[in-house]
């Protein structure tokens, strides 16, 4: 029976993984994250199951490879924390490309609705028997323009929800979809015309700090920013300053660029050392959730199911449709790409 080391394990992870993996694999759950220190624990394991804030840098990959790990199963869509070049020809790496676009898109819209109608502040007031509604004024979403950056599966669902609220939708993507009725514009036009901007693009070298001081200055005064994608898409200090100045009216964040030190853990009895995060949390027009947009029953089942399929395909010598590889990515749609011809990156 193959042995699996499962890092950054939470109770909600175990529900579906125990159900689907029972009697198939020997799983050891570790509550702590994978890093250079905890990677030493993987000796004797065949598979590592990792998450968004685990460290899969070159040094960690080297330790895993030396320990005999054959396969890394990312139980998430993003993999900017994986050095795929270092893994090439050492360890195959697969991901879960789509577990529930509805979960993330709905959470993004929940952040927008809560910020706009001040639900978080109203809740806090009425808990203290304060029923004043002063300062809780919002605006009608109908007729407002929402700019969607990234029109993958999640972005498309978000667009559909926005259209249901009769919002005017404009979008930007490096690879516009031709079979969808989406009004694509340039990035600068999106910044200048949007009342709300929602981020649904991956984190790459090109999108790192996409929302910075320069691009924030291009935006409408009073814009609302929503980010349920990756924290480093936004320059946090620039966002904080723009919130203080009133350029940005409100921000709903499910991700934060330094989140790996804090998210998914309880720091309620600890003094927060990240001054930017502390300042953002203190603002009444900011809602921060701890990377929970994916967290629905349906998504958790899909994550476990696809992770299991990825592992079983690997050991059955089947094509790895969800494998990630820096060479195949660079080859793109090239029919001579090794993965296209052989089903695996190496």
Protein backbone atom coordinates (compact mmCIF):
# COMPACT_ATOMS: atom_id res chain seq x y z
CA UNK A 1 0.00 0.00 0.00
CA UNK A 2 1.43 3.36 -1.06
CA UNK A 3 2.16 5.83 1.73
CA UNK A 4 0.95 9.44 1.59
CA UNK A 5 2.23 12.37 3.67
CA UNK A 6 -0.58 14.93 3.90
CA UNK A 7 0.57 18.41 5.01
CA UNK A 8 -1.35 21.37 6.43
CA UNK A 9 -4.20 19.00 7.27
CA UNK A 10 -7.41 20.40 8.71
CA UNK A 11 -10.48 18.56 10.05
CA UNK A 12 -12.53 19.46 6.97
CA UNK A 13 -9.82 17.92 4.73
CA UNK A 14 -9.91 14.60 6.54
CA UNK A 15 -13.65 14.09 6.06
CA UNK A 16 -13.49 13.43 2.32
CA UNK A 17 -9.93 12.12 2.10
CA UNK A 18 -10.66 9.50 4.76
CA UNK A 19 -13.84 8.53 2.95
CA UNK A 20 -12.31 8.22 -0.52
CA UNK A 21 -8.80 7.00 0.35
CA UNK A 22 -9.80 4.41 2.97
CA UNK A 23 -8.24 0.96 2.31
CA UNK A 24 -6.47 2.35 -0.79
CA UNK A 25 -3.60 4.32 0.67
CA UNK A 26 -1.84 4.69 4.01
CA UNK A 27 -2.25 8.40 4.88
CA UNK A 28 -0.34 10.23 7.60
CA UNK A 29 -1.85 13.64 8.36
CA UNK A 30 0.43 16.46 9.49
CA UNK A 31 -1.16 19.64 10.81
CA UNK A 32 1.91 21.73 10.07
CA UNK A 33 2.87 23.08 6.68
CA UNK A 34 5.44 21.56 4.40
CA UNK A 35 8.76 23.38 4.52
CA UNK A 36 12.48 22.60 4.56
CA UNK A 37 12.28 21.38 8.16
CA UNK A 38 9.12 19.26 7.92
CA UNK A 39 10.20 17.82 4.56
CA UNK A 40 12.52 15.57 6.55
CA UNK A 41 9.43 13.65 7.68
CA UNK A 42 8.72 12.38 4.16
CA UNK A 43 11.35 9.64 4.17
CA UNK A 44 9.62 6.39 3.33
CA UNK A 45 6.60 8.10 1.75
CA UNK A 46 5.63 7.72 -1.89
CA UNK A 47 3.32 10.71 -2.27
CA UNK A 48 3.08 14.18 -0.75
CA UNK A 49 -0.27 15.95 -0.70
CA UNK A 50 0.25 19.71 -0.33
CA UNK A 51 -1.75 22.93 -0.29
CA UNK A 52 -1.46 26.59 -1.34
CA UNK A 53 0.79 27.82 1.46
CA UNK A 54 3.15 24.86 1.62
CA UNK A 55 6.76 25.48 0.61
CA UNK A 56 7.72 23.52 -2.49
CA UNK A 57 10.84 25.45 -3.33
CA UNK A 58 13.93 23.96 -4.95
CA UNK A 59 15.50 22.91 -1.64
CA UNK A 60 12.30 21.25 -0.43
CA UNK A 61 11.88 19.47 -3.78
CA UNK A 62 15.42 18.16 -3.43
CA UNK A 63 14.72 16.74 0.03
CA UNK A 64 11.51 15.08 -1.15
CA UNK A 65 13.29 13.54 -4.13
CA UNK A 66 16.15 12.25 -1.97
CA UNK A 67 13.60 10.78 0.43
CA UNK A 68 12.03 8.76 -2.34
CA UNK A 69 8.88 10.80 -2.95
CA UNK A 70 7.61 10.07 -6.47
CA UNK A 71 4.55 12.26 -6.76
CA UNK A 72 3.32 15.60 -5.43
CA UNK A 73 -0.45 15.99 -5.43
CA UNK A 74 -1.46 19.62 -4.99
CA UNK A 75 -4.99 19.71 -3.59
CA UNK A 76 -5.59 23.16 -5.09
CA UNK A 77 -5.60 24.93 -8.44
CA UNK A 78 -2.76 27.40 -7.87
CA UNK A 79 0.85 26.32 -7.87
CA UNK A 80 2.90 29.50 -7.66
CA UNK A 81 4.44 28.01 -4.49
CA UNK A 82 5.88 25.10 -6.49
CA UNK A 83 9.26 25.29 -8.21
CA UNK A 84 8.13 23.24 -11.20
CA UNK A 85 11.52 23.61 -12.88
CA UNK A 86 13.24 22.03 -9.88
CA UNK A 87 10.70 19.18 -9.91
CA UNK A 88 11.24 18.41 -13.60
CA UNK A 89 12.61 14.88 -14.13
CA UNK A 90 12.61 14.33 -10.35
CA UNK A 91 9.01 14.33 -9.14
CA UNK A 92 5.77 14.52 -11.08
CA UNK A 93 3.44 17.27 -9.84
CA UNK A 94 -0.31 17.44 -10.43
CA UNK A 95 -3.02 19.82 -9.28
CA UNK A 96 -6.79 20.16 -9.02
CA UNK A 97 -7.54 22.67 -11.80
CA UNK A 98 -11.22 23.17 -11.04
CA UNK A 99 -12.97 22.05 -7.87
CA UNK A 100 -15.84 24.52 -7.70
CA UNK A 101 -15.74 27.81 -9.58
CA UNK A 102 -19.15 28.53 -8.03
CA UNK A 103 -17.73 28.41 -4.50
CA UNK A 104 -15.06 31.04 -5.19
CA UNK A 105 -17.20 33.28 -7.39
CA UNK A 106 -20.07 33.24 -4.90
CA UNK A 107 -17.70 34.13 -2.07
CA UNK A 108 -16.30 37.02 -4.10
CA UNK A 109 -19.80 38.35 -4.60
CA UNK A 110 -20.61 37.81 -0.94
CA UNK A 111 -17.66 40.05 -0.07
CA UNK A 112 -18.96 42.70 -2.47
CA UNK A 113 -22.50 42.57 -1.05
CA UNK A 114 -21.28 42.65 2.55
CA UNK A 115 -18.96 45.59 1.94
CA UNK A 116 -21.54 47.56 -0.01
CA UNK A 117 -24.40 47.12 2.45
CA UNK A 118 -22.11 47.18 5.53
CA UNK A 119 -23.40 43.80 6.72
CA UNK A 120 -20.31 43.20 8.86
CA UNK A 121 -20.76 46.52 10.66
CA UNK A 122 -24.52 46.10 11.07
CA UNK A 123 -23.97 42.65 12.57
CA UNK A 124 -21.48 44.01 15.09
CA UNK A 125 -23.85 46.84 16.06
CA UNK A 126 -26.97 44.77 16.62
CA UNK A 127 -24.98 42.27 18.69
CA UNK A 128 -24.46 45.19 21.09
CA UNK A 129 -28.15 46.17 20.86
CA UNK A 130 -27.23 49.18 18.73
CA UNK A 131 -29.91 49.50 16.06
CA UNK A 132 -28.75 52.77 14.51
CA UNK A 133 -28.35 52.65 10.73
CA UNK A 134 -26.30 55.82 10.41
CA UNK A 135 -23.20 55.26 8.31
CA UNK A 136 -24.51 52.07 6.73
CA UNK A 137 -25.57 53.54 3.39
CA UNK A 138 -24.67 51.49 0.33
CA UNK A 139 -25.40 51.82 -3.39
CA UNK A 140 -27.48 49.93 -5.94
CA UNK A 141 -25.43 47.42 -7.87
CA UNK A 142 -27.84 47.68 -10.80
CA UNK A 143 -26.26 49.71 -13.57
CA UNK A 144 -22.82 49.86 -11.97
CA UNK A 145 -19.80 48.70 -13.96
CA UNK A 146 -17.81 45.76 -12.68
CA UNK A 147 -14.42 45.00 -14.17
CA UNK A 148 -13.40 41.35 -14.10
CA UNK A 149 -9.71 40.58 -14.51
CA UNK A 150 -9.37 36.98 -15.61
CA UNK A 151 -12.15 35.09 -17.38
CA UNK A 152 -11.39 31.50 -16.54
CA UNK A 153 -14.05 29.29 -14.98
CA UNK A 154 -14.29 31.35 -11.79
CA UNK A 155 -14.30 34.66 -13.62
CA UNK A 156 -17.05 33.43 -15.93
CA UNK A 157 -19.26 32.39 -13.01
CA UNK A 158 -18.64 35.75 -11.34
CA UNK A 159 -19.68 37.49 -14.57
CA UNK A 160 -22.90 35.48 -14.69
CA UNK A 161 -23.72 36.47 -11.10
CA UNK A 162 -22.98 40.13 -11.82
CA UNK A 163 -25.25 40.06 -14.86
CA UNK A 164 -27.96 38.62 -12.62
CA UNK A 165 -27.72 41.84 -10.61
CA UNK A 166 -28.05 43.84 -13.85
CA UNK A 167 -24.50 45.14 -13.62
CA UNK A 168 -22.57 46.29 -16.65
CA UNK A 169 -19.67 43.85 -17.05
CA UNK A 170 -16.35 44.57 -18.74
CA UNK A 171 -13.39 42.22 -18.63
CA UNK A 172 -9.70 41.81 -19.34
CA UNK A 173 -7.82 38.61 -20.11
CA UNK A 174 -4.63 37.88 -22.02
CA UNK A 175 -6.55 35.16 -23.83
CA UNK A 176 -10.10 36.42 -24.51
CA UNK A 177 -12.80 33.80 -24.93
CA UNK A 178 -14.38 33.81 -28.36
CA UNK A 179 -17.41 31.70 -27.53
CA UNK A 180 -18.73 33.83 -24.66
CA UNK A 181 -20.60 37.12 -24.83
CA UNK A 182 -18.03 39.03 -22.81
CA UNK A 183 -17.16 42.68 -23.38
CA UNK A 184 -13.36 42.70 -23.34
CA UNK A 185 -11.48 45.98 -22.91
CA UNK A 186 -7.89 47.01 -22.30
CA UNK A 187 -6.61 46.91 -18.75
CA UNK A 188 -6.35 50.70 -18.58
CA UNK A 189 -9.94 51.07 -19.79
CA UNK A 190 -11.10 48.57 -17.18
CA UNK A 191 -9.33 50.52 -14.45
CA UNK A 192 -10.81 53.85 -15.54
CA UNK A 193 -14.41 52.70 -16.03
CA UNK A 194 -15.05 50.19 -13.24
CA UNK A 195 -16.99 50.91 -10.07
CA UNK A 196 -16.02 47.46 -8.81
CA UNK A 197 -12.94 45.42 -9.79
CA UNK A 198 -12.75 41.69 -9.06
CA UNK A 199 -9.56 39.67 -9.57
CA UNK A 200 -9.76 36.14 -10.97
CA UNK A 201 -6.38 35.68 -12.65
CA UNK A 202 -3.40 33.51 -11.69
CA UNK A 203 -0.26 34.85 -10.03
CA UNK A 204 2.62 35.01 -12.50
CA UNK A 205 5.66 37.22 -13.01
CA UNK A 206 3.48 39.47 -15.15
CA UNK A 207 0.59 39.74 -12.67
CA UNK A 208 2.66 40.19 -9.50
CA UNK A 209 1.45 43.47 -7.89
CA UNK A 210 -0.88 44.04 -10.81
CA UNK A 211 -2.77 46.34 -8.47
CA UNK A 212 -0.07 48.79 -7.43
CA UNK A 213 0.11 52.52 -6.78
CA UNK A 214 0.35 53.37 -10.49
CA UNK A 215 -2.67 51.31 -11.53
CA UNK A 216 -4.73 52.37 -8.52
CA UNK A 217 -4.26 55.98 -9.63
CA UNK A 218 -5.88 55.03 -12.96
CA UNK A 219 -9.02 53.83 -11.20
CA UNK A 220 -12.23 55.69 -10.44
CA UNK A 221 -12.40 57.47 -7.12
CA UNK A 222 -14.39 55.26 -4.78
CA UNK A 223 -13.70 51.97 -6.54
CA UNK A 224 -14.35 48.72 -4.65
CA UNK A 225 -11.66 46.01 -4.95
CA UNK A 226 -12.34 42.28 -4.53
CA UNK A 227 -9.60 39.63 -4.51
CA UNK A 228 -10.30 35.93 -4.12
CA UNK A 229 -7.41 34.82 -6.35
CA UNK A 230 -3.86 35.30 -5.05
CA UNK A 231 -2.67 37.80 -2.47
CA UNK A 232 0.39 39.05 -4.33
CA UNK A 233 -1.76 40.35 -7.18
CA UNK A 234 -2.17 43.39 -4.92
CA UNK A 235 0.56 45.56 -3.44
CA UNK A 236 -0.79 45.57 0.11
CA UNK A 237 0.90 48.79 1.17
CA UNK A 238 -0.40 50.61 -1.90
CA UNK A 239 -3.89 49.31 -1.16
CA UNK A 240 -3.68 50.40 2.46
CA UNK A 241 -2.62 53.93 1.48
CA UNK A 242 -5.36 54.21 -1.14
CA UNK A 243 -7.98 53.13 1.41
CA UNK A 244 -6.76 55.74 3.87
CA UNK A 245 -6.82 58.42 1.18
CA UNK A 246 -10.31 57.40 0.03
CA UNK A 247 -9.26 56.53 -3.52
CA UNK A 248 -10.44 52.97 -2.88
CA UNK A 249 -13.85 52.94 -1.20
CA UNK A 250 -13.65 49.39 0.15
CA UNK A 251 -11.74 46.14 -0.23
CA UNK A 252 -12.83 42.54 0.15
CA UNK A 253 -9.88 40.15 0.43
CA UNK A 254 -9.88 36.39 0.79
CA UNK A 255 -6.14 36.32 0.16
CA UNK A 256 -3.13 38.32 1.33
CA UNK A 257 0.38 38.37 -0.08
CA UNK A 258 2.00 37.34 3.22
CA UNK A 259 -0.82 35.00 4.20
CA UNK A 260 1.32 31.86 4.53
CA UNK A 261 2.46 33.06 7.96
CA UNK A 262 -1.06 33.51 9.30
CA UNK A 263 -3.92 32.05 7.29
CA UNK A 264 -5.55 28.77 8.39
CA UNK A 265 -4.17 29.17 11.93
CA UNK A 266 -5.46 30.70 15.18
CA UNK A 267 -3.53 33.81 16.27
CA UNK A 268 -6.30 35.29 18.43
CA UNK A 269 -4.05 35.33 21.50
CA UNK A 270 -0.97 36.63 19.71
CA UNK A 271 0.05 40.20 18.87
CA UNK A 272 0.02 40.55 15.10
CA UNK A 273 3.49 41.44 13.83
CA UNK A 274 2.45 42.25 10.27
CA UNK A 275 1.71 45.97 10.49
CA UNK A 276 0.07 46.19 7.07
CA UNK A 277 -2.28 43.29 7.77
CA UNK A 278 -3.11 44.73 11.20
CA UNK A 279 -3.88 48.12 9.67
CA UNK A 280 -6.10 46.59 6.99
CA UNK A 281 -8.01 44.56 9.59
CA UNK A 282 -8.62 47.73 11.62
CA UNK A 283 -10.33 49.58 8.77
CA UNK A 284 -14.16 49.52 8.79
CA UNK A 285 -14.33 49.37 4.99
CA UNK A 286 -12.21 46.21 4.67
CA UNK A 287 -13.31 42.60 5.03
CA UNK A 288 -10.61 39.94 5.15
CA UNK A 289 -11.46 36.25 5.16
CA UNK A 290 -8.73 33.64 5.55
CA UNK A 291 -8.61 32.00 2.12
CA UNK A 292 -11.96 30.29 2.60
CA UNK A 293 -13.59 31.06 -0.74
CA UNK A 294 -13.14 27.45 -1.86
CA UNK A 295 -14.66 26.03 1.32
CA UNK A 296 -17.91 24.32 0.37
CA UNK A 297 -18.93 20.68 0.72
CA UNK A 298 -19.03 20.30 -3.04
CA UNK A 299 -15.55 21.77 -3.50
CA UNK A 300 -14.01 19.61 -0.75
CA UNK A 301 -15.47 16.48 -2.34
CA UNK A 302 -14.19 17.49 -5.78
CA UNK A 303 -10.72 18.26 -4.40
CA UNK A 304 -10.42 14.86 -2.76
CA UNK A 305 -11.86 13.06 -5.80
CA UNK A 306 -9.53 14.72 -8.32
CA UNK A 307 -6.51 14.29 -6.04
CA UNK A 308 -7.30 10.58 -5.80
CA UNK A 309 -7.67 10.33 -9.58
CA UNK A 310 -4.33 12.09 -10.09
CA UNK A 311 -2.55 9.64 -7.79
CA UNK A 312 -4.26 6.58 -9.27
CA UNK A 313 -3.48 7.71 -12.83
CA UNK A 314 0.17 8.13 -11.87
CA UNK A 315 0.53 4.60 -10.49
CA UNK A 316 -1.53 3.10 -13.32
CA UNK A 317 0.90 4.65 -15.87
CA UNK A 318 -1.96 6.62 -17.40
CA UNK A 319 -1.64 10.11 -18.93
CA UNK A 320 -1.53 12.81 -16.26
CA UNK A 321 -4.05 15.33 -17.54
CA UNK A 322 -3.59 17.57 -14.48
CA UNK A 323 0.21 17.47 -14.38
CA UNK A 324 2.04 20.79 -14.25
CA UNK A 325 5.43 21.21 -15.89
CA UNK A 326 7.38 24.31 -16.78
CA UNK A 327 8.49 22.90 -20.16
CA UNK A 328 4.99 21.94 -21.24
CA UNK A 329 3.67 25.32 -20.12
CA UNK A 330 6.26 27.10 -22.23
CA UNK A 331 5.42 24.86 -25.18
CA UNK A 332 1.76 25.80 -24.82
CA UNK A 333 -0.36 24.30 -27.58
CA UNK A 334 2.68 23.03 -29.48
CA UNK A 335 1.70 19.58 -30.82
CA UNK A 336 5.32 18.46 -30.41
CA UNK A 337 5.19 19.09 -26.66
CA UNK A 338 6.34 15.93 -24.85
CA UNK A 339 3.24 15.87 -22.69
CA UNK A 340 0.94 16.18 -25.68
CA UNK A 341 2.64 13.22 -27.29
CA UNK A 342 3.22 11.01 -24.26
CA UNK A 343 0.68 12.11 -21.65
CA UNK A 344 3.35 13.05 -19.12
CA UNK A 345 5.94 15.78 -18.85
CA UNK A 346 8.80 13.29 -18.61
